[in-house]
N, C-alpha and C. Protein backbone atom coordinates (compact mmCIF):
# COMPACT_ATOMS: atom_id res chain seq x y z
N MET A 1 -91.37 136.01 -22.09
CA MET A 1 -91.93 137.26 -21.62
C MET A 1 -93.22 137.57 -22.35
N ASN A 2 -93.38 137.08 -23.57
CA ASN A 2 -94.61 137.33 -24.31
C ASN A 2 -95.80 136.68 -23.63
N TYR A 3 -95.56 135.52 -22.98
CA TYR A 3 -96.65 134.84 -22.29
C TYR A 3 -97.18 135.70 -21.16
N PHE A 4 -96.28 136.36 -20.43
CA PHE A 4 -96.69 137.21 -19.33
C PHE A 4 -97.55 138.36 -19.83
N LYS A 5 -97.13 138.97 -20.92
CA LYS A 5 -97.90 140.06 -21.50
C LYS A 5 -99.28 139.57 -21.94
N ASP A 6 -99.33 138.38 -22.53
CA ASP A 6 -100.61 137.81 -22.96
C ASP A 6 -101.53 137.54 -21.77
N ILE A 7 -100.95 137.08 -20.66
CA ILE A 7 -101.76 136.81 -19.46
C ILE A 7 -102.35 138.10 -18.92
N ILE A 8 -101.55 139.16 -18.85
CA ILE A 8 -102.05 140.46 -18.36
C ILE A 8 -103.15 140.98 -19.27
N ILE A 9 -102.95 140.88 -20.58
CA ILE A 9 -103.98 141.34 -21.52
C ILE A 9 -105.24 140.50 -21.36
N GLY A 10 -105.09 139.20 -21.17
CA GLY A 10 -106.25 138.33 -20.98
C GLY A 10 -107.03 138.65 -19.72
N ILE A 11 -106.33 138.89 -18.62
CA ILE A 11 -107.01 139.22 -17.36
C ILE A 11 -107.72 140.56 -17.48
N THR A 12 -107.04 141.54 -18.05
CA THR A 12 -107.67 142.86 -18.21
C THR A 12 -108.87 142.77 -19.14
N GLY A 13 -108.74 142.05 -20.24
CA GLY A 13 -109.87 141.89 -21.16
C GLY A 13 -111.02 141.16 -20.50
N GLY A 14 -110.72 140.17 -19.68
CA GLY A 14 -111.77 139.45 -18.95
C GLY A 14 -112.51 140.36 -17.98
N LEU A 15 -111.77 141.22 -17.27
CA LEU A 15 -112.42 142.16 -16.36
C LEU A 15 -113.31 143.14 -17.11
N ILE A 16 -112.83 143.65 -18.22
CA ILE A 16 -113.63 144.59 -19.00
C ILE A 16 -114.87 143.90 -19.54
N THR A 17 -114.72 142.69 -20.06
CA THR A 17 -115.86 141.93 -20.58
C THR A 17 -116.87 141.65 -19.48
N PHE A 18 -116.39 141.28 -18.31
CA PHE A 18 -117.28 141.02 -17.18
C PHE A 18 -118.07 142.26 -16.80
N CYS A 19 -117.39 143.41 -16.77
CA CYS A 19 -118.07 144.66 -16.42
C CYS A 19 -119.13 145.01 -17.45
N ILE A 20 -118.81 144.90 -18.73
CA ILE A 20 -119.77 145.24 -19.78
C ILE A 20 -120.95 144.27 -19.75
N THR A 21 -120.68 142.98 -19.62
CA THR A 21 -121.75 141.98 -19.60
C THR A 21 -122.66 142.18 -18.39
N SER A 22 -122.07 142.43 -17.24
CA SER A 22 -122.88 142.62 -16.04
C SER A 22 -123.72 143.89 -16.14
N THR A 23 -123.18 144.93 -16.74
CA THR A 23 -123.93 146.17 -16.89
C THR A 23 -125.09 145.98 -17.86
N LEU A 24 -124.87 145.30 -18.97
CA LEU A 24 -125.91 145.12 -19.97
C LEU A 24 -127.01 144.16 -19.51
N THR A 25 -126.67 143.18 -18.72
CA THR A 25 -127.69 142.22 -18.27
C THR A 25 -128.31 142.62 -16.94
N GLU A 26 -127.88 143.73 -16.39
CA GLU A 26 -128.42 144.30 -15.16
C GLU A 26 -128.29 143.36 -13.96
N THR A 27 -127.27 142.54 -13.95
CA THR A 27 -127.01 141.72 -12.77
C THR A 27 -125.85 142.30 -11.96
N TRP A 28 -125.51 143.49 -12.28
CA TRP A 28 -124.42 144.17 -11.58
C TRP A 28 -124.94 144.61 -10.22
N ASP A 29 -124.37 144.07 -9.16
CA ASP A 29 -124.85 144.44 -7.84
C ASP A 29 -123.79 145.19 -7.03
N ILE A 30 -122.69 145.53 -7.65
CA ILE A 30 -121.66 146.29 -6.96
C ILE A 30 -121.81 147.75 -7.38
N GLN A 31 -122.15 148.58 -6.44
CA GLN A 31 -122.36 150.00 -6.73
C GLN A 31 -121.10 150.79 -6.36
N LEU A 32 -120.24 151.00 -7.35
CA LEU A 32 -119.03 151.79 -7.13
C LEU A 32 -118.97 152.91 -8.15
N PRO A 33 -118.52 154.07 -7.73
CA PRO A 33 -118.40 155.19 -8.67
C PRO A 33 -117.35 154.90 -9.74
N LEU A 34 -117.46 155.64 -10.82
CA LEU A 34 -116.56 155.47 -11.95
C LEU A 34 -115.11 155.75 -11.57
N TRP A 35 -114.86 156.71 -10.70
CA TRP A 35 -113.48 157.05 -10.34
C TRP A 35 -112.81 155.90 -9.59
N ILE A 36 -113.57 155.11 -8.85
CA ILE A 36 -112.98 153.96 -8.16
C ILE A 36 -112.59 152.90 -9.20
N TRP A 37 -113.46 152.67 -10.20
CA TRP A 37 -113.12 151.71 -11.25
C TRP A 37 -111.91 152.18 -12.04
N SER A 38 -111.82 153.49 -12.25
CA SER A 38 -110.65 154.03 -12.96
C SER A 38 -109.37 153.76 -12.16
N ILE A 39 -109.44 153.95 -10.86
CA ILE A 39 -108.27 153.69 -10.01
C ILE A 39 -107.91 152.21 -10.04
N VAL A 40 -108.93 151.33 -10.04
CA VAL A 40 -108.67 149.89 -10.09
C VAL A 40 -107.97 149.52 -11.40
N PHE A 41 -108.47 150.02 -12.52
CA PHE A 41 -107.84 149.70 -13.81
C PHE A 41 -106.43 150.26 -13.91
N VAL A 42 -106.22 151.49 -13.45
CA VAL A 42 -104.88 152.06 -13.46
C VAL A 42 -103.96 151.24 -12.55
N GLY A 43 -104.48 150.80 -11.42
CA GLY A 43 -103.69 149.96 -10.51
C GLY A 43 -103.31 148.64 -11.14
N VAL A 44 -104.25 148.01 -11.86
CA VAL A 44 -103.95 146.73 -12.53
C VAL A 44 -102.89 146.94 -13.60
N PHE A 45 -103.03 147.97 -14.41
CA PHE A 45 -102.01 148.24 -15.43
C PHE A 45 -100.67 148.60 -14.80
N GLY A 46 -100.70 149.39 -13.72
CA GLY A 46 -99.46 149.74 -13.02
C GLY A 46 -98.78 148.52 -12.44
N LEU A 47 -99.55 147.61 -11.87
CA LEU A 47 -98.99 146.37 -11.33
C LEU A 47 -98.38 145.52 -12.44
N GLY A 48 -99.07 145.43 -13.56
CA GLY A 48 -98.53 144.68 -14.70
C GLY A 48 -97.23 145.28 -15.19
N TYR A 49 -97.17 146.61 -15.28
CA TYR A 49 -95.95 147.27 -15.73
C TYR A 49 -94.82 147.07 -14.72
N ALA A 50 -95.14 147.13 -13.42
CA ALA A 50 -94.11 146.92 -12.40
C ALA A 50 -93.56 145.50 -12.46
N ILE A 51 -94.42 144.52 -12.68
CA ILE A 51 -93.96 143.13 -12.79
C ILE A 51 -93.11 142.96 -14.04
N TYR A 52 -93.51 143.59 -15.15
CA TYR A 52 -92.71 143.54 -16.37
C TYR A 52 -91.32 144.12 -16.13
N ARG A 53 -91.24 145.28 -15.47
CA ARG A 53 -89.95 145.90 -15.18
C ARG A 53 -89.10 145.04 -14.26
N LEU A 54 -89.74 144.36 -13.31
CA LEU A 54 -89.02 143.47 -12.41
C LEU A 54 -88.40 142.30 -13.17
N PHE A 55 -89.17 141.70 -14.07
CA PHE A 55 -88.64 140.62 -14.90
C PHE A 55 -87.50 141.12 -15.79
N LEU A 56 -87.65 142.30 -16.37
CA LEU A 56 -86.61 142.88 -17.21
C LEU A 56 -85.34 143.13 -16.39
N TRP A 57 -85.49 143.69 -15.19
CA TRP A 57 -84.35 143.95 -14.33
C TRP A 57 -83.64 142.65 -13.98
N TYR A 58 -84.42 141.61 -13.66
CA TYR A 58 -83.83 140.31 -13.32
C TYR A 58 -83.06 139.73 -14.51
N ARG A 59 -83.64 139.79 -15.68
CA ARG A 59 -83.00 139.24 -16.88
C ARG A 59 -81.70 140.00 -17.21
N VAL A 60 -81.73 141.32 -17.11
CA VAL A 60 -80.53 142.12 -17.38
C VAL A 60 -79.44 141.80 -16.36
N ARG A 61 -79.79 141.72 -15.09
CA ARG A 61 -78.79 141.41 -14.06
C ARG A 61 -78.17 140.03 -14.28
N ARG A 62 -78.99 139.06 -14.67
CA ARG A 62 -78.48 137.71 -14.91
C ARG A 62 -77.50 137.70 -16.08
N ILE A 63 -77.86 138.37 -17.16
CA ILE A 63 -76.98 138.40 -18.33
C ILE A 63 -75.69 139.15 -18.03
N ILE A 64 -75.78 140.27 -17.32
CA ILE A 64 -74.59 141.06 -17.01
C ILE A 64 -73.66 140.31 -16.07
N SER A 65 -74.22 139.54 -15.15
CA SER A 65 -73.35 138.80 -14.23
C SER A 65 -72.63 137.65 -14.93
N GLU A 66 -73.22 137.09 -15.98
CA GLU A 66 -72.61 135.97 -16.69
C GLU A 66 -71.72 136.39 -17.86
N PHE A 67 -72.06 137.47 -18.53
CA PHE A 67 -71.37 137.86 -19.77
C PHE A 67 -70.28 138.87 -19.45
N THR A 68 -69.09 138.38 -19.08
CA THR A 68 -67.98 139.27 -18.74
C THR A 68 -66.72 139.00 -19.54
N GLU A 69 -66.75 138.04 -20.47
CA GLU A 69 -65.59 137.81 -21.33
C GLU A 69 -66.04 137.19 -22.64
N SER A 70 -65.27 137.50 -23.68
CA SER A 70 -65.61 136.96 -25.00
C SER A 70 -64.47 137.27 -25.97
N ALA A 71 -64.47 136.54 -27.08
CA ALA A 71 -63.58 136.84 -28.20
C ALA A 71 -64.47 137.25 -29.37
N PHE A 72 -63.97 138.12 -30.20
CA PHE A 72 -64.75 138.64 -31.31
C PHE A 72 -64.04 138.26 -32.60
N GLY A 73 -64.69 137.43 -33.41
CA GLY A 73 -64.02 136.90 -34.59
C GLY A 73 -62.92 135.96 -34.12
N ASP A 74 -61.71 136.18 -34.58
CA ASP A 74 -60.57 135.38 -34.09
C ASP A 74 -59.62 136.26 -33.28
N SER A 75 -60.18 137.19 -32.51
CA SER A 75 -59.38 138.11 -31.72
C SER A 75 -58.93 137.46 -30.41
N PHE A 76 -58.16 138.22 -29.63
CA PHE A 76 -57.81 137.78 -28.29
C PHE A 76 -59.09 137.70 -27.46
N VAL A 77 -59.03 136.99 -26.36
CA VAL A 77 -60.17 136.94 -25.44
C VAL A 77 -60.08 138.18 -24.55
N TYR A 78 -61.18 138.91 -24.47
CA TYR A 78 -61.24 140.13 -23.68
C TYR A 78 -62.13 139.93 -22.47
N THR A 79 -61.81 140.63 -21.38
CA THR A 79 -62.67 140.65 -20.19
C THR A 79 -63.04 142.10 -19.90
N TRP A 80 -64.11 142.29 -19.16
CA TRP A 80 -64.55 143.63 -18.81
C TRP A 80 -65.43 143.57 -17.58
N LYS A 81 -65.69 144.75 -17.03
CA LYS A 81 -66.62 144.92 -15.91
C LYS A 81 -67.68 145.91 -16.35
N TYR A 82 -68.74 146.00 -15.59
CA TYR A 82 -69.81 146.93 -15.91
C TYR A 82 -69.91 148.01 -14.84
N LYS A 83 -70.32 149.19 -15.26
CA LYS A 83 -70.65 150.25 -14.30
C LYS A 83 -72.02 150.79 -14.67
N LYS A 84 -72.71 151.32 -13.67
CA LYS A 84 -74.02 151.90 -13.93
C LYS A 84 -73.84 153.21 -14.68
N SER A 85 -74.49 153.32 -15.82
CA SER A 85 -74.41 154.52 -16.64
C SER A 85 -75.62 154.54 -17.55
N SER A 86 -76.46 155.51 -17.37
CA SER A 86 -77.67 155.54 -18.19
C SER A 86 -77.54 156.45 -19.40
N ASN A 87 -76.48 157.24 -19.47
CA ASN A 87 -76.39 158.18 -20.59
C ASN A 87 -75.10 158.03 -21.40
N GLY A 88 -74.38 156.94 -21.23
CA GLY A 88 -73.16 156.72 -22.01
C GLY A 88 -73.50 156.31 -23.44
N ARG A 89 -72.53 156.45 -24.32
CA ARG A 89 -72.76 156.12 -25.73
C ARG A 89 -73.05 154.64 -25.92
N TYR A 90 -72.39 153.79 -25.15
CA TYR A 90 -72.58 152.34 -25.28
C TYR A 90 -73.34 151.77 -24.09
N SER A 91 -74.13 152.59 -23.44
CA SER A 91 -74.93 152.15 -22.30
C SER A 91 -76.12 151.32 -22.78
N THR A 92 -76.34 150.19 -22.12
CA THR A 92 -77.46 149.33 -22.45
C THR A 92 -78.19 148.96 -21.18
N TYR A 93 -79.47 149.27 -21.11
CA TYR A 93 -80.28 148.96 -19.93
C TYR A 93 -79.63 149.49 -18.65
N GLY A 94 -78.96 150.64 -18.73
CA GLY A 94 -78.38 151.28 -17.56
C GLY A 94 -76.99 150.83 -17.19
N TYR A 95 -76.34 150.00 -18.01
CA TYR A 95 -74.99 149.52 -17.72
C TYR A 95 -74.09 149.74 -18.92
N GLU A 96 -72.83 150.06 -18.63
CA GLU A 96 -71.86 150.26 -19.70
C GLU A 96 -70.59 149.47 -19.38
N PRO A 97 -70.01 148.77 -20.36
CA PRO A 97 -68.78 148.01 -20.09
C PRO A 97 -67.59 148.95 -19.89
N THR A 98 -66.78 148.64 -18.88
CA THR A 98 -65.57 149.42 -18.60
C THR A 98 -64.43 148.45 -18.32
N GLU A 99 -63.25 149.00 -18.16
CA GLU A 99 -62.04 148.22 -17.84
C GLU A 99 -61.87 147.05 -18.80
N ILE A 100 -61.95 147.33 -20.09
CA ILE A 100 -61.81 146.29 -21.11
C ILE A 100 -60.33 146.00 -21.30
N ARG A 101 -59.97 144.73 -21.17
CA ARG A 101 -58.57 144.32 -21.35
C ARG A 101 -58.52 142.89 -21.83
N THR A 102 -57.37 142.50 -22.35
CA THR A 102 -57.21 141.11 -22.78
C THR A 102 -57.17 140.21 -21.55
N LYS A 103 -57.64 138.99 -21.73
CA LYS A 103 -57.69 138.06 -20.60
C LYS A 103 -56.28 137.70 -20.14
N LYS A 104 -55.39 137.47 -21.11
CA LYS A 104 -53.99 137.19 -20.77
C LYS A 104 -53.23 138.51 -20.77
N THR A 105 -52.29 138.62 -19.87
CA THR A 105 -51.48 139.83 -19.83
C THR A 105 -50.49 139.83 -20.99
N LEU A 106 -49.91 140.97 -21.25
CA LEU A 106 -48.96 141.10 -22.35
C LEU A 106 -47.74 140.20 -22.14
N SER A 107 -47.29 140.06 -20.90
CA SER A 107 -46.13 139.20 -20.64
C SER A 107 -46.45 137.73 -20.93
N GLU A 108 -47.67 137.31 -20.64
CA GLU A 108 -48.06 135.93 -20.97
C GLU A 108 -48.12 135.73 -22.48
N MET A 109 -48.64 136.72 -23.20
CA MET A 109 -48.76 136.59 -24.65
C MET A 109 -47.40 136.64 -25.35
N ASN A 110 -46.41 137.31 -24.74
CA ASN A 110 -45.08 137.41 -25.34
C ASN A 110 -44.17 136.24 -24.98
N ASN A 111 -44.63 135.32 -24.18
CA ASN A 111 -43.83 134.16 -23.81
C ASN A 111 -43.68 133.25 -25.03
N GLU A 112 -42.43 132.93 -25.39
CA GLU A 112 -42.22 132.15 -26.61
C GLU A 112 -42.64 130.69 -26.45
N ARG A 113 -42.80 130.20 -25.23
CA ARG A 113 -43.22 128.81 -25.03
C ARG A 113 -44.73 128.65 -25.11
N VAL A 114 -45.45 129.74 -25.12
CA VAL A 114 -46.91 129.69 -25.18
C VAL A 114 -47.36 130.26 -26.52
N HIS A 115 -48.11 129.46 -27.26
CA HIS A 115 -48.61 129.92 -28.56
C HIS A 115 -49.83 130.81 -28.34
N THR A 116 -49.78 132.01 -28.85
CA THR A 116 -50.89 132.95 -28.73
C THR A 116 -51.29 133.40 -30.12
N CYS A 117 -52.54 133.24 -30.45
CA CYS A 117 -53.01 133.73 -31.74
C CYS A 117 -54.18 134.68 -31.50
N GLY A 118 -54.36 135.57 -32.40
CA GLY A 118 -55.44 136.54 -32.29
C GLY A 118 -54.95 137.91 -32.68
N HIS A 119 -55.79 138.87 -32.51
CA HIS A 119 -55.44 140.25 -32.83
C HIS A 119 -56.21 141.16 -31.89
N GLU A 120 -55.79 142.41 -31.85
CA GLU A 120 -56.48 143.38 -30.99
C GLU A 120 -57.70 143.93 -31.71
N VAL A 121 -58.68 144.30 -30.92
CA VAL A 121 -59.91 144.91 -31.43
C VAL A 121 -60.04 146.27 -30.77
N PRO A 122 -60.40 147.32 -31.52
CA PRO A 122 -60.58 148.63 -30.90
C PRO A 122 -61.65 148.61 -29.81
N GLU A 123 -61.44 149.44 -28.79
CA GLU A 123 -62.34 149.44 -27.64
C GLU A 123 -63.77 149.81 -28.03
N ASP A 124 -63.94 150.76 -28.95
CA ASP A 124 -65.29 151.13 -29.38
C ASP A 124 -66.01 149.95 -30.03
N THR A 125 -65.28 149.16 -30.81
CA THR A 125 -65.88 147.99 -31.45
C THR A 125 -66.29 146.96 -30.41
N ILE A 126 -65.45 146.76 -29.40
CA ILE A 126 -65.79 145.81 -28.34
C ILE A 126 -67.04 146.27 -27.60
N LYS A 127 -67.11 147.56 -27.29
CA LYS A 127 -68.30 148.08 -26.59
C LYS A 127 -69.55 147.91 -27.44
N LEU A 128 -69.43 148.11 -28.75
CA LEU A 128 -70.57 147.91 -29.65
C LEU A 128 -70.99 146.44 -29.65
N PHE A 129 -70.02 145.53 -29.73
CA PHE A 129 -70.32 144.10 -29.65
C PHE A 129 -71.10 143.79 -28.37
N ILE A 130 -70.57 144.24 -27.24
CA ILE A 130 -71.19 143.94 -25.94
C ILE A 130 -72.60 144.50 -25.89
N GLN A 131 -72.77 145.73 -26.35
CA GLN A 131 -74.08 146.37 -26.34
C GLN A 131 -75.08 145.57 -27.16
N LEU A 132 -74.69 145.17 -28.36
CA LEU A 132 -75.60 144.43 -29.23
C LEU A 132 -75.90 143.03 -28.69
N ILE A 133 -74.90 142.37 -28.11
CA ILE A 133 -75.13 141.03 -27.57
C ILE A 133 -76.07 141.08 -26.38
N ILE A 134 -75.93 142.08 -25.52
CA ILE A 134 -76.86 142.20 -24.38
C ILE A 134 -78.27 142.46 -24.88
N ILE A 135 -78.42 143.34 -25.86
CA ILE A 135 -79.76 143.63 -26.39
C ILE A 135 -80.38 142.39 -27.00
N THR A 136 -79.61 141.61 -27.75
CA THR A 136 -80.18 140.41 -28.38
C THR A 136 -80.55 139.36 -27.35
N ASN A 137 -79.84 139.30 -26.22
CA ASN A 137 -80.18 138.32 -25.19
C ASN A 137 -81.37 138.75 -24.34
N VAL A 138 -81.56 140.04 -24.14
CA VAL A 138 -82.68 140.52 -23.32
C VAL A 138 -83.95 140.61 -24.15
N ASN A 139 -83.88 141.20 -25.33
CA ASN A 139 -85.05 141.43 -26.16
C ASN A 139 -84.99 140.49 -27.36
N LYS A 140 -85.73 139.39 -27.29
CA LYS A 140 -85.64 138.36 -28.33
C LYS A 140 -86.15 138.86 -29.69
N LYS A 141 -87.18 139.71 -29.70
CA LYS A 141 -87.68 140.23 -30.98
C LYS A 141 -86.62 141.10 -31.65
N MET A 142 -85.99 141.95 -30.86
CA MET A 142 -84.93 142.80 -31.42
C MET A 142 -83.72 141.95 -31.80
N GLY A 143 -83.49 140.86 -31.07
CA GLY A 143 -82.37 139.98 -31.36
C GLY A 143 -82.45 139.38 -32.74
N LYS A 144 -83.66 139.05 -33.19
CA LYS A 144 -83.82 138.49 -34.54
C LYS A 144 -83.41 139.51 -35.60
N LYS A 145 -83.66 140.79 -35.32
CA LYS A 145 -83.30 141.83 -36.28
C LYS A 145 -81.82 142.17 -36.23
N LEU A 146 -81.21 142.05 -35.04
CA LEU A 146 -79.81 142.42 -34.88
C LEU A 146 -78.84 141.28 -35.19
N PHE A 147 -79.33 140.06 -35.30
CA PHE A 147 -78.44 138.91 -35.51
C PHE A 147 -77.60 139.03 -36.78
N PRO A 148 -78.16 139.46 -37.93
CA PRO A 148 -77.30 139.63 -39.12
C PRO A 148 -76.19 140.67 -38.90
N LEU A 149 -76.49 141.72 -38.15
CA LEU A 149 -75.46 142.73 -37.86
C LEU A 149 -74.35 142.13 -37.01
N LEU A 150 -74.71 141.32 -36.01
CA LEU A 150 -73.69 140.67 -35.19
C LEU A 150 -72.84 139.70 -36.02
N GLU A 151 -73.49 138.96 -36.91
CA GLU A 151 -72.72 138.06 -37.78
C GLU A 151 -71.74 138.85 -38.64
N TYR A 152 -72.18 139.98 -39.17
CA TYR A 152 -71.29 140.81 -39.99
C TYR A 152 -70.12 141.34 -39.16
N LEU A 153 -70.40 141.80 -37.94
CA LEU A 153 -69.32 142.32 -37.10
C LEU A 153 -68.31 141.22 -36.75
N HIS A 154 -68.80 140.01 -36.49
CA HIS A 154 -67.87 138.91 -36.24
C HIS A 154 -67.05 138.60 -37.50
N TRP A 155 -67.68 138.70 -38.65
CA TRP A 155 -66.96 138.47 -39.91
C TRP A 155 -65.87 139.52 -40.10
N THR A 156 -66.16 140.79 -39.76
CA THR A 156 -65.15 141.84 -39.92
C THR A 156 -63.95 141.62 -39.02
N GLU A 157 -64.14 140.93 -37.89
CA GLU A 157 -63.04 140.69 -36.97
C GLU A 157 -62.34 139.35 -37.21
N ASN A 158 -62.72 138.63 -38.25
CA ASN A 158 -62.11 137.34 -38.54
C ASN A 158 -60.99 137.54 -39.55
N SER A 159 -59.76 137.58 -39.07
CA SER A 159 -58.62 137.86 -39.94
C SER A 159 -58.21 136.66 -40.79
N GLN A 160 -58.79 135.50 -40.55
CA GLN A 160 -58.46 134.34 -41.38
C GLN A 160 -59.17 134.41 -42.73
N ARG A 161 -60.25 135.12 -42.82
CA ARG A 161 -61.01 135.21 -44.07
C ARG A 161 -60.62 136.40 -44.93
N HIS A 162 -60.10 137.46 -44.30
CA HIS A 162 -59.76 138.68 -45.04
C HIS A 162 -58.84 139.53 -44.17
N ASN A 163 -58.33 140.59 -44.75
CA ASN A 163 -57.54 141.54 -43.95
C ASN A 163 -58.48 142.29 -43.02
N LEU A 164 -57.96 142.68 -41.88
CA LEU A 164 -58.78 143.41 -40.92
C LEU A 164 -59.20 144.76 -41.50
N LEU A 165 -60.41 145.18 -41.17
CA LEU A 165 -60.95 146.40 -41.74
C LEU A 165 -60.63 147.65 -40.93
N HIS A 166 -60.01 147.49 -39.76
CA HIS A 166 -59.69 148.67 -38.94
C HIS A 166 -58.21 148.83 -38.75
């Protein structure tokens, strides 16, 4: 995504440089009022912003469609769905995880012929995990800063290394 931003900045800088150079060398033969040039520049910036938002929307939709189950530390595997919510506590890019449940039902986990290992994780912790993982996958710069926090959260849910903290 940084390349796209660099391309937009390069094109805009090239247009500004061309306008200044043409004005100073008096080879400017296009007679347009300043308000038209202002509209053109605002249009170029608006188009760049719209394309950026389109790429962001596509990236978020792709991640949300793929990321619907996970285990945290050595916990059970959980599944969830997303709903549109822009003002929820754990809302990320307009989506919030809902219907969080273990992948296997309780009757499957209680079957003595099937070995089940893991532990339960509080729903708020799962929502925090999901929120942070989506942010790190969409925004790579922020992901570098949040990665130590995610590692710590996974460590807190690993009952093989220590007693659970919740």
